[in-house]
Amino acid sequence: MNGEHQEEDRDWIDYPEDKNSVKVAVKKHGAMTLEEVAKRLGISLVRVSQIEKQALKKLSKRIKL
């Protein structure tokens, strides 16, 4: 798989209304609340919050390198 396909895979979401693309979703809707993200993904608000915290922790570790 080349770099272009990998980038496309990272941007893919299971949301046909936004052409299954994170970039299209952001362009159409801008920033979304955690509640909006939870509804789109069909998971709880608490779970979205947990994922956000994990992602921020990972980013924080990479920035400190």
Protein backbone atom coordinates (compact mmCIF):
# COMPACT_ATOMS: atom_id res chain seq x y z
CA MET A 1 0.00 0.00 0.00
CA ASN A 2 1.48 3.36 -0.96
CA GLY A 3 1.38 6.55 1.13
CA GLU A 4 -1.59 7.96 -0.76
CA HIS A 5 -3.81 4.98 0.08
CA GLN A 6 -2.71 5.03 3.70
CA GLU A 7 -3.72 8.69 3.97
CA GLU A 8 -7.11 7.90 2.43
CA ASP A 9 -7.63 5.07 4.94
CA ARG A 10 -6.88 7.38 7.89
CA ASP A 11 -9.51 9.82 6.66
CA TRP A 12 -12.21 7.15 6.22
CA ILE A 13 -15.23 7.12 8.53
CA ASP A 14 -18.38 5.05 8.35
CA TYR A 15 -20.67 7.99 7.62
CA PRO A 16 -22.04 7.96 4.04
CA GLU A 17 -23.75 11.35 4.45
CA ASP A 18 -20.26 12.88 4.49
CA LYS A 19 -18.92 10.58 1.75
CA ASN A 20 -17.22 8.46 4.45
CA SER A 21 -14.53 11.13 4.77
CA VAL A 22 -13.28 12.93 7.86
CA LYS A 23 -12.16 15.83 5.65
CA VAL A 24 -15.63 16.22 4.12
CA ALA A 25 -17.24 16.07 7.57
CA VAL A 26 -14.97 18.80 8.93
CA LYS A 27 -15.47 20.97 5.87
CA LYS A 28 -19.28 20.59 6.04
CA HIS A 29 -19.77 20.83 9.80
CA GLY A 30 -16.64 22.39 11.29
CA ALA A 31 -15.77 21.50 14.85
CA MET A 32 -18.20 19.09 16.49
CA THR A 33 -19.00 18.55 20.13
CA LEU A 34 -18.20 15.26 21.82
CA GLU A 35 -21.94 14.60 21.92
CA GLU A 36 -22.22 15.06 18.14
CA VAL A 37 -19.29 12.69 17.60
CA ALA A 38 -20.85 10.11 19.94
CA LYS A 39 -24.15 10.18 18.02
CA ARG A 40 -22.34 9.79 14.68
CA LEU A 41 -20.30 6.83 15.92
CA GLY A 42 -23.13 5.23 17.86
CA ILE A 43 -21.15 5.15 21.10
CA SER A 44 -21.56 6.86 24.45
CA LEU A 45 -20.41 10.36 25.23
CA VAL A 46 -18.29 8.92 28.03
CA ARG A 47 -16.50 6.61 25.58
CA VAL A 48 -15.78 9.48 23.19
CA SER A 49 -14.36 11.43 26.12
CA GLN A 50 -12.15 8.47 27.07
CA ILE A 51 -10.84 8.21 23.51
CA GLU A 52 -10.16 11.95 23.41
CA LYS A 53 -8.18 11.78 26.66
CA GLN A 54 -6.13 8.83 25.38
CA ALA A 55 -5.36 10.67 22.13
CA LEU A 56 -4.31 13.83 23.96
CA LYS A 57 -2.06 11.79 26.24
CA LYS A 58 -0.37 10.17 23.23
CA LEU A 59 0.10 13.54 21.54
CA SER A 60 1.52 15.01 24.71
CA LYS A 61 4.11 12.22 24.91
CA ARG A 62 5.14 12.72 21.27
CA ILE A 63 5.52 16.47 21.71
CA LYS A 64 7.85 15.97 24.69
CA LEU A 65 10.25 13.80 22.63
